[in-house]
Amino acid sequence: MTSTVEAPDITPHADGSVPIKLLHDRVLVRPGVDEGERTTTGGILIPATAQVGRRLSWARVVAVGPTVRTIEVGDRVLYEPEDRGSIELQGLEYVLLRERDVHAVAASRHADDHTGLYL
């Protein structure tokens, strides 16, 4: 008798969240699309090939573990992309973080706070 195991459906929902249960303090994020060339507020064009120092990135949260306290699905978080675990689900790239690896949280629920982002 052969048994076939059906793979779980991990198709992202319409809101961008992913039907995955993370453990502990893990946060799964979807990085933004690389911008390539950037323009500074002063109008200086920075080509995509420019060498930049350590640069932090913004990403959208798609799943959180049960012990995550300050981050919710849908928030934007600031993190350092170097040496982070990345995975591919349904052809999309995601990054797995711990809550302590997140430097800032941007969410509309923080709009009433006078300090803006948590830094």
C-alpha atoms as a PDB file:
ATOM      1  CA  MET A   1       0.000   0.000   0.000  1.00  0.00           C
ATOM      2  CA  THR A   2       1.515   3.323  -1.031  1.00  0.00           C
ATOM      3  CA  SER A   3       0.707   6.523   0.741  1.00  0.00           C
ATOM      4  CA  THR A   4       0.837   9.864  -0.968  1.00  0.00           C
ATOM      5  CA  VAL A   5       1.332  12.950   1.126  1.00  0.00           C
ATOM      6  CA  GLU A   6      -0.252  16.068  -0.246  1.00  0.00           C
ATOM      7  CA  ALA A   7       1.827  19.205   0.070  1.00  0.00           C
ATOM      8  CA  PRO A   8       0.232  21.965   2.148  1.00  0.00           C
ATOM      9  CA  ASP A   9      -1.222  24.961   0.343  1.00  0.00           C
ATOM     10  CA  ILE A  10       1.156  27.872   0.976  1.00  0.00           C
ATOM     11  CA  THR A  11      -0.324  30.209  -1.608  1.00  0.00           C
ATOM     12  CA  PRO A  12      -0.194  33.817  -0.335  1.00  0.00           C
ATOM     13  CA  HIS A  13      -3.566  35.357   0.547  1.00  0.00           C
ATOM     14  CA  ALA A  14      -4.894  38.461  -1.225  1.00  0.00           C
ATOM     15  CA  ASP A  15      -3.621  40.663   1.640  1.00  0.00           C
ATOM     16  CA  GLY A  16      -0.077  39.291   1.172  1.00  0.00           C
ATOM     17  CA  SER A  17      -0.069  37.157   4.322  1.00  0.00           C
ATOM     18  CA  VAL A  18       1.126  33.572   4.082  1.00  0.00           C
ATOM     19  CA  PRO A  19      -0.710  30.579   5.660  1.00  0.00           C
ATOM     20  CA  ILE A  20       2.291  29.372   7.652  1.00  0.00           C
ATOM     21  CA  LYS A  21       2.574  28.876  11.409  1.00  0.00           C
ATOM     22  CA  LEU A  22       5.896  30.238  12.605  1.00  0.00           C
ATOM     23  CA  LEU A  23       7.407  29.164  15.899  1.00  0.00           C
ATOM     24  CA  HIS A  24       8.594  31.269  18.839  1.00  0.00           C
ATOM     25  CA  ASP A  25       9.751  34.810  17.977  1.00  0.00           C
ATOM     26  CA  ARG A  26      10.079  34.338  14.223  1.00  0.00           C
ATOM     27  CA  VAL A  27       8.904  36.941  11.707  1.00  0.00           C
ATOM     28  CA  LEU A  28       8.498  36.168   7.983  1.00  0.00           C
ATOM     29  CA  VAL A  29       8.807  39.221   5.731  1.00  0.00           C
ATOM     30  CA  ARG A  30       8.494  39.955   2.019  1.00  0.00           C
ATOM     31  CA  PRO A  31      11.256  42.367   0.970  1.00  0.00           C
ATOM     32  CA  GLY A  32      10.371  45.251  -1.312  1.00  0.00           C
ATOM     33  CA  VAL A  33      11.353  45.205  -4.945  1.00  0.00           C
ATOM     34  CA  ASP A  34      14.891  46.473  -5.500  1.00  0.00           C
ATOM     35  CA  GLU A  35      14.636  50.046  -6.594  1.00  0.00           C
ATOM     36  CA  GLY A  36      17.690  49.993  -8.829  1.00  0.00           C
ATOM     37  CA  GLU A  37      18.587  53.621  -9.430  1.00  0.00           C
ATOM     38  CA  ARG A  38      17.675  55.978  -6.619  1.00  0.00           C
ATOM     39  CA  THR A  39      17.387  59.738  -6.508  1.00  0.00           C
ATOM     40  CA  THR A  40      18.255  61.618  -3.338  1.00  0.00           C
ATOM     41  CA  THR A  41      16.031  64.413  -2.047  1.00  0.00           C
ATOM     42  CA  GLY A  42      18.638  66.826  -3.415  1.00  0.00           C
ATOM     43  CA  GLY A  43      18.184  65.400  -6.927  1.00  0.00           C
ATOM     44  CA  ILE A  44      21.413  63.372  -7.134  1.00  0.00           C
ATOM     45  CA  LEU A  45      20.997  60.143  -9.125  1.00  0.00           C
ATOM     46  CA  ILE A  46      22.587  57.097  -7.482  1.00  0.00           C
ATOM     47  CA  PRO A  47      22.980  54.229  -9.987  1.00  0.00           C
ATOM     48  CA  ALA A  48      22.065  50.674  -9.017  1.00  0.00           C
ATOM     49  CA  THR A  49      25.720  49.679  -9.419  1.00  0.00           C
ATOM     50  CA  ALA A  50      26.950  52.234  -6.852  1.00  0.00           C
ATOM     51  CA  GLN A  51      28.840  50.765  -3.940  1.00  0.00           C
ATOM     52  CA  VAL A  52      26.974  51.560  -0.740  1.00  0.00           C
ATOM     53  CA  GLY A  53      27.906  50.750   2.809  1.00  0.00           C
ATOM     54  CA  ARG A  54      25.806  48.732   5.174  1.00  0.00           C
ATOM     55  CA  ARG A  55      22.234  49.547   4.170  1.00  0.00           C
ATOM     56  CA  LEU A  56      19.061  48.572   6.003  1.00  0.00           C
ATOM     57  CA  SER A  57      15.950  47.450   4.107  1.00  0.00           C
ATOM     58  CA  TRP A  58      12.192  47.717   4.551  1.00  0.00           C
ATOM     59  CA  ALA A  59       9.920  44.699   4.202  1.00  0.00           C
ATOM     60  CA  ARG A  60       6.254  43.810   4.714  1.00  0.00           C
ATOM     61  CA  VAL A  61       5.417  41.279   7.481  1.00  0.00           C
ATOM     62  CA  VAL A  62       3.474  38.264   6.162  1.00  0.00           C
ATOM     63  CA  ALA A  63       3.524  35.938   9.216  1.00  0.00           C
ATOM     64  CA  VAL A  64       4.560  36.088  12.886  1.00  0.00           C
ATOM     65  CA  GLY A  65       5.238  33.502  15.584  1.00  0.00           C
ATOM     66  CA  PRO A  66       3.181  33.180  18.785  1.00  0.00           C
ATOM     67  CA  THR A  67       5.649  35.002  21.062  1.00  0.00           C
ATOM     68  CA  VAL A  68       6.118  38.070  18.854  1.00  0.00           C
ATOM     69  CA  ARG A  69       4.824  41.035  20.873  1.00  0.00           C
ATOM     70  CA  THR A  70       5.323  44.258  18.898  1.00  0.00           C
ATOM     71  CA  ILE A  71       4.907  43.232  15.260  1.00  0.00           C
ATOM     72  CA  GLU A  72       1.742  42.272  13.390  1.00  0.00           C
ATOM     73  CA  VAL A  73       1.037  40.909   9.914  1.00  0.00           C
ATOM     74  CA  GLY A  74       0.897  43.831   7.480  1.00  0.00           C
ATOM     75  CA  ASP A  75       3.431  46.016   9.330  1.00  0.00           C
ATOM     76  CA  ARG A  76       6.508  47.334   7.555  1.00  0.00           C
ATOM     77  CA  VAL A  77       9.753  46.578   9.363  1.00  0.00           C
ATOM     78  CA  LEU A  78      13.323  47.810   9.018  1.00  0.00           C
ATOM     79  CA  TYR A  79      16.022  45.133   9.151  1.00  0.00           C
ATOM     80  CA  GLU A  80      19.550  44.400   7.992  1.00  0.00           C
ATOM     81  CA  PRO A  81      19.387  42.048   4.978  1.00  0.00           C
ATOM     82  CA  GLU A  82      22.932  40.688   5.281  1.00  0.00           C
ATOM     83  CA  ASP A  83      23.285  37.094   6.486  1.00  0.00           C
ATOM     84  CA  ARG A  84      19.544  36.474   6.868  1.00  0.00           C
ATOM     85  CA  GLY A  85      17.811  33.237   5.983  1.00  0.00           C
ATOM     86  CA  SER A  86      15.731  33.527   2.825  1.00  0.00           C
ATOM     87  CA  ILE A  87      13.203  31.114   1.386  1.00  0.00           C
ATOM     88  CA  GLU A  88      11.137  30.868  -1.767  1.00  0.00           C
ATOM     89  CA  LEU A  89       7.430  30.023  -1.611  1.00  0.00           C
ATOM     90  CA  GLN A  90       5.295  29.836  -4.757  1.00  0.00           C
ATOM     91  CA  GLY A  91       8.040  31.676  -6.673  1.00  0.00           C
ATOM     92  CA  LEU A  92       8.209  34.604  -4.213  1.00  0.00           C
ATOM     93  CA  GLU A  93      11.230  35.441  -2.055  1.00  0.00           C
ATOM     94  CA  TYR A  94      10.828  35.817   1.733  1.00  0.00           C
ATOM     95  CA  VAL A  95      13.233  36.509   4.608  1.00  0.00           C
ATOM     96  CA  LEU A  96      13.007  34.852   8.039  1.00  0.00           C
ATOM     97  CA  LEU A  97      13.939  37.039  11.027  1.00  0.00           C
ATOM     98  CA  ARG A  98      13.773  36.965  14.799  1.00  0.00           C
ATOM     99  CA  GLU A  99      11.824  39.755  16.456  1.00  0.00           C
ATOM    100  CA  ARG A 100      15.052  41.083  18.013  1.00  0.00           C
ATOM    101  CA  ASP A 101      16.562  41.522  14.504  1.00  0.00           C
ATOM    102  CA  VAL A 102      13.952  44.148  13.590  1.00  0.00           C
ATOM    103  CA  HIS A 103      15.174  47.739  14.070  1.00  0.00           C
ATOM    104  CA  ALA A 104      11.892  49.632  13.525  1.00  0.00           C
ATOM    105  CA  VAL A 105       8.173  49.035  12.947  1.00  0.00           C
ATOM    106  CA  ALA A 106       6.019  51.264  10.738  1.00  0.00           C
ATOM    107  CA  ALA A 107       2.275  50.744  11.133  1.00  0.00           C
ATOM    108  CA  SER A 108      -0.819  52.941  11.070  1.00  0.00           C
ATOM    109  CA  ARG A 109      -1.613  51.933  14.677  1.00  0.00           C
ATOM    110  CA  HIS A 110       1.498  53.906  15.711  1.00  0.00           C
ATOM    111  CA  ALA A 111       0.275  57.102  13.994  1.00  0.00           C
ATOM    112  CA  ASP A 112      -0.938  58.583  17.300  1.00  0.00           C
ATOM    113  CA  ASP A 113       2.450  58.047  18.934  1.00  0.00           C
ATOM    114  CA  HIS A 114       4.522  61.210  19.104  1.00  0.00           C
ATOM    115  CA  THR A 115       7.819  59.458  18.453  1.00  0.00           C
ATOM    116  CA  GLY A 116       6.898  57.887  15.096  1.00  0.00           C
ATOM    117  CA  LEU A 117       8.780  54.636  14.545  1.00  0.00           C
ATOM    118  CA  TYR A 118      10.078  52.438  17.324  1.00  0.00           C
ATOM    119  CA  LEU A 119      13.829  52.817  17.118  1.00  0.00           C
END
